[in-house]
Amino acid sequence: MMLIKLAWRNIWRNRRRTFITVASILFAVLFSSVLESLQKGGWNNMINNVVNFYFGYGQIHQKGYWEEKDMDLALAIDDSINSISESIPQLDQIVPRMEGFALASTGDNTFGVMVVGVDPEKEDRLTALSERLVDGLFLGGNDAGALLASGVAERL
């Protein structure tokens, strides 16, 4: 008890020093709390953007695809794949996609582009891509067209 009484008197012996110390600790705690909440909010927002705008929470590939990443190992979409969403209640939708890379060329300009084959209606439900068009029309179910990113269109 004597030590506590001595410590209490020592703390309040210089009131100005005590208030400065308490204020600096309070400021540091508040500042670090605000920065941590900004960091976590930004991180969660980045994850949400990636999930909602393109990838989703999971991907299904044919066995051996990740070792070779070969287009010949593409998974055929059939009733067994479509029935997965019925067997897993947390699964909202399945969006088929085939991705690859190609060379786009115009005149003397050649550059690499990502080529993605999609089901336009299912893709639009996941990514809301039709709402982000700069120019032109979104693809329909039976269209034999292509949708270009604005940067690729400018270079072509």
N, C-alpha and C. Protein backbone atom coordinates (compact mmCIF):
# COMPACT_ATOMS: atom_id res chain seq x y z
N MET A 1 0.82 -1.19 0.00
CA MET A 1 0.00 0.00 0.00
C MET A 1 0.86 1.25 0.00
N MET A 2 1.98 1.15 0.68
CA MET A 2 2.89 2.29 0.77
C MET A 2 3.47 2.63 -0.60
N LEU A 3 3.79 1.60 -1.42
CA LEU A 3 4.34 1.84 -2.76
C LEU A 3 3.31 2.53 -3.67
N ILE A 4 2.06 2.12 -3.58
CA ILE A 4 1.01 2.72 -4.40
C ILE A 4 0.84 4.20 -4.04
N LYS A 5 0.86 4.49 -2.75
CA LYS A 5 0.72 5.87 -2.29
C LYS A 5 1.90 6.71 -2.76
N LEU A 6 3.10 6.15 -2.70
CA LEU A 6 4.30 6.84 -3.14
C LEU A 6 4.28 7.09 -4.66
N ALA A 7 3.85 6.08 -5.40
CA ALA A 7 3.76 6.22 -6.85
C ALA A 7 2.72 7.28 -7.24
N TRP A 8 1.60 7.29 -6.56
CA TRP A 8 0.54 8.27 -6.84
C TRP A 8 1.04 9.70 -6.59
N ARG A 9 1.75 9.90 -5.52
CA ARG A 9 2.30 11.23 -5.22
C ARG A 9 3.34 11.64 -6.26
N ASN A 10 4.15 10.66 -6.71
CA ASN A 10 5.19 10.95 -7.70
C ASN A 10 4.59 11.36 -9.04
N ILE A 11 3.48 10.69 -9.42
CA ILE A 11 2.81 11.02 -10.69
C ILE A 11 2.29 12.45 -10.66
N TRP A 12 1.68 12.84 -9.56
CA TRP A 12 1.06 14.17 -9.50
C TRP A 12 1.99 15.27 -8.98
N ARG A 13 3.24 14.94 -8.75
CA ARG A 13 4.19 15.94 -8.30
C ARG A 13 4.39 17.02 -9.36
N ASN A 14 4.43 16.60 -10.63
CA ASN A 14 4.55 17.55 -11.74
C ASN A 14 3.32 17.36 -12.62
N ARG A 15 2.27 18.14 -12.39
CA ARG A 15 0.98 17.97 -13.08
C ARG A 15 1.12 18.18 -14.60
N ARG A 16 1.88 19.15 -15.00
CA ARG A 16 2.02 19.43 -16.44
C ARG A 16 2.63 18.23 -17.17
N ARG A 17 3.66 17.65 -16.62
CA ARG A 17 4.30 16.48 -17.22
C ARG A 17 3.31 15.32 -17.29
N THR A 18 2.52 15.13 -16.24
CA THR A 18 1.53 14.06 -16.21
C THR A 18 0.48 14.26 -17.30
N PHE A 19 -0.04 15.48 -17.45
CA PHE A 19 -1.05 15.75 -18.49
C PHE A 19 -0.48 15.58 -19.89
N ILE A 20 0.76 16.00 -20.10
CA ILE A 20 1.39 15.83 -21.41
C ILE A 20 1.55 14.34 -21.72
N THR A 21 1.97 13.57 -20.76
CA THR A 21 2.15 12.12 -20.96
C THR A 21 0.81 11.44 -21.24
N VAL A 22 -0.20 11.76 -20.45
CA VAL A 22 -1.53 11.17 -20.66
C VAL A 22 -2.09 11.58 -22.02
N ALA A 23 -1.93 12.84 -22.39
CA ALA A 23 -2.45 13.30 -23.69
C ALA A 23 -1.73 12.63 -24.85
N SER A 24 -0.41 12.48 -24.74
CA SER A 24 0.32 11.83 -25.84
C SER A 24 -0.06 10.36 -25.97
N ILE A 25 -0.26 9.68 -24.87
CA ILE A 25 -0.68 8.27 -24.93
C ILE A 25 -2.09 8.18 -25.52
N LEU A 26 -2.99 9.06 -25.08
CA LEU A 26 -4.35 9.07 -25.61
C LEU A 26 -4.36 9.33 -27.12
N PHE A 27 -3.56 10.31 -27.56
CA PHE A 27 -3.48 10.62 -28.99
C PHE A 27 -2.93 9.43 -29.77
N ALA A 28 -1.87 8.78 -29.26
CA ALA A 28 -1.27 7.64 -29.96
C ALA A 28 -2.27 6.48 -30.09
N VAL A 29 -3.01 6.20 -29.04
CA VAL A 29 -3.99 5.12 -29.08
C VAL A 29 -5.11 5.43 -30.08
N LEU A 30 -5.64 6.66 -30.02
CA LEU A 30 -6.69 7.04 -30.96
C LEU A 30 -6.20 7.03 -32.40
N PHE A 31 -5.01 7.57 -32.62
CA PHE A 31 -4.44 7.62 -33.97
C PHE A 31 -4.22 6.22 -34.53
N SER A 32 -3.65 5.33 -33.73
CA SER A 32 -3.42 3.96 -34.21
C SER A 32 -4.74 3.22 -34.44
N SER A 33 -5.75 3.49 -33.64
CA SER A 33 -7.07 2.86 -33.84
C SER A 33 -7.70 3.32 -35.15
N VAL A 34 -7.61 4.62 -35.43
CA VAL A 34 -8.16 5.14 -36.68
C VAL A 34 -7.42 4.57 -37.89
N LEU A 35 -6.09 4.54 -37.82
CA LEU A 35 -5.32 4.01 -38.94
C LEU A 35 -5.57 2.52 -39.16
N GLU A 36 -5.70 1.77 -38.09
CA GLU A 36 -5.97 0.34 -38.24
C GLU A 36 -7.35 0.10 -38.84
N SER A 37 -8.34 0.90 -38.45
CA SER A 37 -9.67 0.73 -39.03
C SER A 37 -9.67 1.12 -40.51
N LEU A 38 -8.92 2.16 -40.89
CA LEU A 38 -8.80 2.51 -42.31
C LEU A 38 -8.13 1.39 -43.09
N GLN A 39 -7.08 0.82 -42.53
CA GLN A 39 -6.37 -0.26 -43.20
C GLN A 39 -7.27 -1.48 -43.39
N LYS A 40 -7.96 -1.89 -42.35
CA LYS A 40 -8.83 -3.07 -42.45
C LYS A 40 -10.00 -2.80 -43.40
N GLY A 41 -10.56 -1.59 -43.34
CA GLY A 41 -11.64 -1.25 -44.25
C GLY A 41 -11.19 -1.25 -45.71
N GLY A 42 -10.02 -0.70 -45.96
CA GLY A 42 -9.47 -0.70 -47.32
C GLY A 42 -9.19 -2.11 -47.82
N TRP A 43 -8.62 -2.94 -46.95
CA TRP A 43 -8.32 -4.33 -47.31
C TRP A 43 -9.61 -5.10 -47.62
N ASN A 44 -10.62 -4.95 -46.76
CA ASN A 44 -11.89 -5.63 -47.01
C ASN A 44 -12.55 -5.14 -48.28
N ASN A 45 -12.43 -3.85 -48.56
CA ASN A 45 -12.99 -3.30 -49.78
C ASN A 45 -12.28 -3.84 -51.02
N MET A 46 -10.95 -3.99 -50.95
CA MET A 46 -10.21 -4.56 -52.09
C MET A 46 -10.64 -6.01 -52.34
N ILE A 47 -10.75 -6.78 -51.29
CA ILE A 47 -11.18 -8.18 -51.44
C ILE A 47 -12.59 -8.23 -52.03
N ASN A 48 -13.47 -7.40 -51.52
CA ASN A 48 -14.84 -7.36 -52.02
C ASN A 48 -14.88 -6.98 -53.50
N ASN A 49 -14.06 -6.02 -53.91
CA ASN A 49 -14.02 -5.62 -55.32
C ASN A 49 -13.54 -6.75 -56.20
N VAL A 50 -12.49 -7.44 -55.80
CA VAL A 50 -11.97 -8.55 -56.60
C VAL A 50 -13.02 -9.66 -56.71
N VAL A 51 -13.65 -9.98 -55.59
CA VAL A 51 -14.63 -11.07 -55.58
C VAL A 51 -15.86 -10.69 -56.40
N ASN A 52 -16.38 -9.50 -56.21
CA ASN A 52 -17.62 -9.12 -56.88
C ASN A 52 -17.44 -8.71 -58.33
N PHE A 53 -16.27 -8.24 -58.71
CA PHE A 53 -16.11 -7.75 -60.07
C PHE A 53 -15.48 -8.75 -61.01
N TYR A 54 -14.96 -9.88 -60.52
CA TYR A 54 -14.40 -10.82 -61.49
C TYR A 54 -14.33 -12.26 -61.01
N PHE A 55 -13.61 -12.53 -59.96
CA PHE A 55 -13.27 -13.91 -59.65
C PHE A 55 -14.34 -14.70 -58.92
N GLY A 56 -15.10 -14.08 -58.05
CA GLY A 56 -15.99 -14.84 -57.19
C GLY A 56 -15.18 -15.45 -56.06
N TYR A 57 -15.82 -16.26 -55.25
CA TYR A 57 -15.13 -16.83 -54.09
C TYR A 57 -14.46 -18.17 -54.38
N GLY A 58 -14.70 -18.74 -55.52
CA GLY A 58 -14.09 -20.03 -55.82
C GLY A 58 -13.98 -20.25 -57.31
N GLN A 59 -13.12 -21.18 -57.68
CA GLN A 59 -12.96 -21.54 -59.08
C GLN A 59 -12.93 -23.05 -59.19
N ILE A 60 -13.47 -23.55 -60.28
CA ILE A 60 -13.47 -24.99 -60.54
C ILE A 60 -12.65 -25.22 -61.81
N HIS A 61 -11.63 -26.08 -61.70
CA HIS A 61 -10.77 -26.40 -62.83
C HIS A 61 -10.68 -27.90 -62.98
N GLN A 62 -10.35 -28.34 -64.18
CA GLN A 62 -10.11 -29.77 -64.39
C GLN A 62 -8.81 -30.15 -63.71
N LYS A 63 -8.74 -31.39 -63.24
CA LYS A 63 -7.54 -31.87 -62.56
C LYS A 63 -6.34 -31.74 -63.50
N GLY A 64 -5.26 -31.19 -62.96
CA GLY A 64 -4.03 -31.02 -63.74
C GLY A 64 -3.91 -29.67 -64.42
N TYR A 65 -4.97 -28.85 -64.36
CA TYR A 65 -4.92 -27.56 -65.05
C TYR A 65 -3.85 -26.65 -64.46
N TRP A 66 -3.76 -26.55 -63.13
CA TRP A 66 -2.84 -25.60 -62.51
C TRP A 66 -1.38 -25.98 -62.74
N GLU A 67 -1.10 -27.24 -62.98
CA GLU A 67 0.28 -27.63 -63.25
C GLU A 67 0.71 -27.20 -64.65
N GLU A 68 -0.20 -27.32 -65.64
CA GLU A 68 0.17 -27.03 -67.02
C GLU A 68 -0.46 -25.76 -67.58
N LYS A 69 -1.57 -25.34 -67.04
CA LYS A 69 -2.32 -24.17 -67.52
C LYS A 69 -2.48 -24.20 -69.04
N ASP A 70 -2.99 -25.32 -69.49
CA ASP A 70 -3.17 -25.56 -70.92
C ASP A 70 -4.65 -25.44 -71.26
N MET A 71 -4.96 -24.75 -72.37
CA MET A 71 -6.36 -24.57 -72.79
C MET A 71 -7.02 -25.91 -73.13
N ASP A 72 -6.20 -26.92 -73.46
CA ASP A 72 -6.76 -28.24 -73.77
C ASP A 72 -7.34 -28.92 -72.53
N LEU A 73 -6.99 -28.42 -71.35
CA LEU A 73 -7.52 -28.98 -70.11
C LEU A 73 -8.74 -28.21 -69.62
N ALA A 74 -9.39 -27.52 -70.54
CA ALA A 74 -10.60 -26.77 -70.17
C ALA A 74 -11.69 -27.75 -69.73
N LEU A 75 -12.46 -27.32 -68.78
CA LEU A 75 -13.51 -28.15 -68.21
C LEU A 75 -14.79 -27.95 -69.02
N ALA A 76 -15.34 -29.03 -69.53
CA ALA A 76 -16.58 -28.95 -70.30
C ALA A 76 -17.75 -28.68 -69.35
N ILE A 77 -18.57 -27.70 -69.71
CA ILE A 77 -19.72 -27.36 -68.88
C ILE A 77 -20.86 -28.31 -69.24
N ASP A 78 -21.28 -29.10 -68.26
CA ASP A 78 -22.40 -30.01 -68.47
C ASP A 78 -23.32 -29.96 -67.26
N ASP A 79 -24.29 -30.84 -67.22
CA ASP A 79 -25.27 -30.82 -66.13
C ASP A 79 -24.64 -31.07 -64.76
N SER A 80 -23.55 -31.87 -64.73
CA SER A 80 -22.92 -32.15 -63.43
C SER A 80 -22.29 -30.88 -62.85
N ILE A 81 -21.74 -30.03 -63.68
CA ILE A 81 -21.16 -28.76 -63.20
C ILE A 81 -22.29 -27.83 -62.77
N ASN A 82 -23.32 -27.74 -63.56
CA ASN A 82 -24.43 -26.85 -63.21
C ASN A 82 -25.18 -27.31 -61.96
N SER A 83 -25.16 -28.61 -61.67
CA SER A 83 -25.86 -29.11 -60.49
C SER A 83 -25.09 -28.86 -59.19
N ILE A 84 -23.83 -28.44 -59.30
CA ILE A 84 -23.04 -28.13 -58.10
C ILE A 84 -23.71 -27.02 -57.31
N SER A 85 -24.24 -26.03 -58.01
CA SER A 85 -24.87 -24.90 -57.29
C SER A 85 -26.13 -25.35 -56.53
N GLU A 86 -26.77 -26.41 -56.98
CA GLU A 86 -27.93 -26.93 -56.26
C GLU A 86 -27.52 -27.72 -55.02
N SER A 87 -26.36 -28.38 -55.07
CA SER A 87 -25.93 -29.21 -53.94
C SER A 87 -25.24 -28.39 -52.84
N ILE A 88 -24.78 -27.19 -53.16
CA ILE A 88 -24.14 -26.33 -52.15
C ILE A 88 -25.02 -25.11 -51.97
N PRO A 89 -25.76 -25.02 -50.87
CA PRO A 89 -26.72 -23.92 -50.70
C PRO A 89 -26.07 -22.53 -50.63
N GLN A 90 -24.81 -22.43 -50.18
CA GLN A 90 -24.15 -21.13 -50.08
C GLN A 90 -23.69 -20.61 -51.45
N LEU A 91 -23.66 -21.49 -52.44
CA LEU A 91 -23.19 -21.12 -53.77
C LEU A 91 -24.31 -20.43 -54.52
N ASP A 92 -24.07 -19.19 -54.90
CA ASP A 92 -25.10 -18.37 -55.54
C ASP A 92 -25.23 -18.69 -57.02
N GLN A 93 -24.11 -18.73 -57.72
CA GLN A 93 -24.17 -18.97 -59.16
C GLN A 93 -22.83 -19.48 -59.67
N ILE A 94 -22.89 -20.10 -60.84
CA ILE A 94 -21.69 -20.57 -61.52
C ILE A 94 -21.61 -19.82 -62.85
N VAL A 95 -20.45 -19.20 -63.08
CA VAL A 95 -20.25 -18.42 -64.30
C VAL A 95 -19.11 -19.07 -65.09
N PRO A 96 -19.41 -19.69 -66.23
CA PRO A 96 -18.35 -20.33 -67.01
C PRO A 96 -17.49 -19.28 -67.72
N ARG A 97 -16.19 -19.55 -67.73
CA ARG A 97 -15.24 -18.63 -68.36
C ARG A 97 -14.07 -19.42 -68.91
N MET A 98 -13.57 -19.02 -70.04
CA MET A 98 -12.33 -19.58 -70.58
C MET A 98 -11.40 -18.42 -70.88
N GLU A 99 -10.22 -18.45 -70.29
CA GLU A 99 -9.29 -17.35 -70.43
C GLU A 99 -8.04 -17.79 -71.17
N GLY A 100 -7.52 -16.87 -71.95
CA GLY A 100 -6.26 -17.11 -72.65
C GLY A 100 -5.66 -15.77 -73.06
N PHE A 101 -4.53 -15.83 -73.72
CA PHE A 101 -3.87 -14.62 -74.17
C PHE A 101 -3.65 -14.70 -75.67
N ALA A 102 -3.65 -13.55 -76.32
CA ALA A 102 -3.46 -13.49 -77.77
C ALA A 102 -2.68 -12.22 -78.10
N LEU A 103 -2.25 -12.13 -79.33
CA LEU A 103 -1.60 -10.93 -79.82
C LEU A 103 -2.61 -10.15 -80.65
N ALA A 104 -2.77 -8.89 -80.34
CA ALA A 104 -3.62 -8.00 -81.13
C ALA A 104 -2.69 -7.13 -81.95
N SER A 105 -3.06 -6.89 -83.19
CA SER A 105 -2.17 -6.16 -84.07
C SER A 105 -2.94 -5.18 -84.93
N THR A 106 -2.37 -4.02 -85.12
CA THR A 106 -2.89 -3.04 -86.06
C THR A 106 -1.69 -2.30 -86.64
N GLY A 107 -1.52 -2.33 -87.95
CA GLY A 107 -0.35 -1.70 -88.57
C GLY A 107 0.92 -2.32 -88.03
N ASP A 108 1.81 -1.47 -87.52
CA ASP A 108 3.07 -1.95 -86.95
C ASP A 108 2.98 -2.19 -85.44
N ASN A 109 1.83 -1.93 -84.84
CA ASN A 109 1.63 -2.11 -83.40
C ASN A 109 1.14 -3.52 -83.10
N THR A 110 1.83 -4.21 -82.22
CA THR A 110 1.40 -5.52 -81.75
C THR A 110 1.53 -5.53 -80.24
N PHE A 111 0.51 -6.02 -79.56
CA PHE A 111 0.54 -6.07 -78.11
C PHE A 111 -0.28 -7.25 -77.63
N GLY A 112 0.02 -7.69 -76.42
CA GLY A 112 -0.68 -8.83 -75.84
C GLY A 112 -2.01 -8.40 -75.21
N VAL A 113 -3.00 -9.23 -75.39
CA VAL A 113 -4.32 -8.96 -74.80
C VAL A 113 -4.82 -10.25 -74.15
N MET A 114 -5.64 -10.08 -73.13
CA MET A 114 -6.29 -11.22 -72.51
C MET A 114 -7.61 -11.45 -73.24
N VAL A 115 -7.86 -12.68 -73.60
CA VAL A 115 -9.10 -13.06 -74.28
C VAL A 115 -9.90 -13.92 -73.31
N VAL A 116 -11.16 -13.54 -73.09
CA VAL A 116 -12.01 -14.26 -72.15
C VAL A 116 -13.29 -14.65 -72.86
N GLY A 117 -13.56 -15.94 -72.91
CA GLY A 117 -14.81 -16.44 -73.46
C GLY A 117 -15.82 -16.59 -72.32
N VAL A 118 -17.01 -16.00 -72.48
CA VAL A 118 -18.00 -15.99 -71.39
C VAL A 118 -19.39 -16.31 -71.91
N ASP A 119 -20.25 -16.63 -70.98
CA ASP A 119 -21.69 -16.65 -71.23
C ASP A 119 -22.17 -15.26 -70.84
N PRO A 120 -22.54 -14.41 -71.82
CA PRO A 120 -22.81 -12.99 -71.52
C PRO A 120 -23.84 -12.75 -70.43
N GLU A 121 -24.91 -13.53 -70.41
CA GLU A 121 -25.96 -13.30 -69.41
C GLU A 121 -25.48 -13.63 -68.00
N LYS A 122 -24.81 -14.77 -67.85
CA LYS A 122 -24.30 -15.16 -66.53
C LYS A 122 -23.18 -14.23 -66.08
N GLU A 123 -22.34 -13.84 -67.01
CA GLU A 123 -21.24 -12.93 -66.69
C GLU A 123 -21.77 -11.58 -66.20
N ASP A 124 -22.82 -11.10 -66.85
CA ASP A 124 -23.39 -9.80 -66.47
C ASP A 124 -24.03 -9.87 -65.09
N ARG A 125 -24.59 -11.02 -64.73
CA ARG A 125 -25.18 -11.16 -63.40
C ARG A 125 -24.11 -11.07 -62.30
N LEU A 126 -22.91 -11.59 -62.57
CA LEU A 126 -21.83 -11.56 -61.58
C LEU A 126 -21.11 -10.21 -61.57
N THR A 127 -20.73 -9.71 -62.74
CA THR A 127 -19.85 -8.54 -62.80
C THR A 127 -20.56 -7.24 -63.11
N ALA A 128 -21.84 -7.28 -63.52
CA ALA A 128 -22.58 -6.08 -63.93
C ALA A 128 -21.80 -5.30 -64.98
N LEU A 129 -21.20 -6.02 -65.90
CA LEU A 129 -20.36 -5.43 -66.93
C LEU A 129 -21.14 -4.52 -67.87
N SER A 130 -22.39 -4.83 -68.13
CA SER A 130 -23.19 -4.01 -69.04
C SER A 130 -23.39 -2.59 -68.52
N GLU A 131 -23.32 -2.42 -67.19
CA GLU A 131 -23.49 -1.08 -66.60
C GLU A 131 -22.22 -0.24 -66.72
N ARG A 132 -21.10 -0.87 -67.05
CA ARG A 132 -19.82 -0.15 -67.10
C ARG A 132 -19.32 0.07 -68.52
N LEU A 133 -20.18 -0.14 -69.51
CA LEU A 133 -19.78 0.07 -70.89
C LEU A 133 -19.55 1.56 -71.16
N VAL A 134 -18.51 1.86 -71.92
CA VAL A 134 -18.22 3.23 -72.31
C VAL A 134 -18.94 3.56 -73.60
N ASP A 135 -18.96 2.60 -74.52
CA ASP A 135 -19.57 2.82 -75.83
C ASP A 135 -20.03 1.48 -76.38
N GLY A 136 -21.07 1.49 -77.18
CA GLY A 136 -21.54 0.26 -77.82
C GLY A 136 -22.60 -0.45 -77.00
N LEU A 137 -22.87 -1.69 -77.41
CA LEU A 137 -23.90 -2.51 -76.76
C LEU A 137 -23.27 -3.73 -76.13
N PHE A 138 -23.90 -4.21 -75.07
CA PHE A 138 -23.42 -5.42 -74.41
C PHE A 138 -23.83 -6.63 -75.24
N LEU A 139 -23.07 -7.70 -75.11
CA LEU A 139 -23.33 -8.91 -75.88
C LEU A 139 -24.61 -9.60 -75.44
N GLY A 140 -25.32 -10.17 -76.39
CA GLY A 140 -26.49 -10.99 -76.09
C GLY A 140 -26.09 -12.45 -76.06
N GLY A 141 -27.01 -13.33 -75.73
CA GLY A 141 -26.72 -14.76 -75.60
C GLY A 141 -26.21 -15.42 -76.85
N ASN A 142 -26.69 -15.03 -78.03
CA ASN A 142 -26.29 -15.69 -79.26
C ASN A 142 -25.43 -14.80 -80.15
N ASP A 143 -24.95 -13.68 -79.64
CA ASP A 143 -24.12 -12.78 -80.44
C ASP A 143 -22.77 -13.42 -80.73
N ALA A 144 -22.29 -13.17 -81.94
CA ALA A 144 -20.96 -13.62 -82.32
C ALA A 144 -20.06 -12.39 -82.40
N GLY A 145 -19.98 -11.67 -81.30
CA GLY A 145 -19.21 -10.43 -81.27
C GLY A 145 -18.15 -10.46 -80.20
N ALA A 146 -17.53 -9.31 -80.03
CA ALA A 146 -16.49 -9.19 -79.01
C ALA A 146 -16.69 -7.88 -78.26
N LEU A 147 -16.31 -7.90 -77.03
CA LEU A 147 -16.37 -6.72 -76.18
C LEU A 147 -14.92 -6.35 -75.88
N LEU A 148 -14.53 -5.12 -76.22
CA LEU A 148 -13.15 -4.69 -76.03
C LEU A 148 -13.03 -3.73 -74.86
N ALA A 149 -11.95 -3.84 -74.13
CA ALA A 149 -11.65 -2.84 -73.11
C ALA A 149 -11.31 -1.53 -73.81
N SER A 150 -11.59 -0.42 -73.17
CA SER A 150 -11.40 0.89 -73.81
C SER A 150 -9.93 1.11 -74.20
N GLY A 151 -8.99 0.65 -73.37
CA GLY A 151 -7.58 0.80 -73.69
C GLY A 151 -7.17 0.01 -74.93
N VAL A 152 -7.71 -1.21 -75.07
CA VAL A 152 -7.42 -2.03 -76.26
C VAL A 152 -8.05 -1.38 -77.48
N ALA A 153 -9.28 -0.88 -77.35
CA ALA A 153 -9.95 -0.24 -78.48
C ALA A 153 -9.18 0.99 -78.95
N GLU A 154 -8.63 1.76 -78.05
CA GLU A 154 -7.85 2.95 -78.43
C GLU A 154 -6.59 2.56 -79.17
N ARG A 155 -5.93 1.51 -78.74
CA ARG A 155 -4.68 1.08 -79.39
C ARG A 155 -4.94 0.46 -80.76
N LEU A 156 -6.11 -0.14 -80.93
CA LEU A 156 -6.45 -0.71 -82.24
C LEU A 156 -6.94 0.36 -83.18
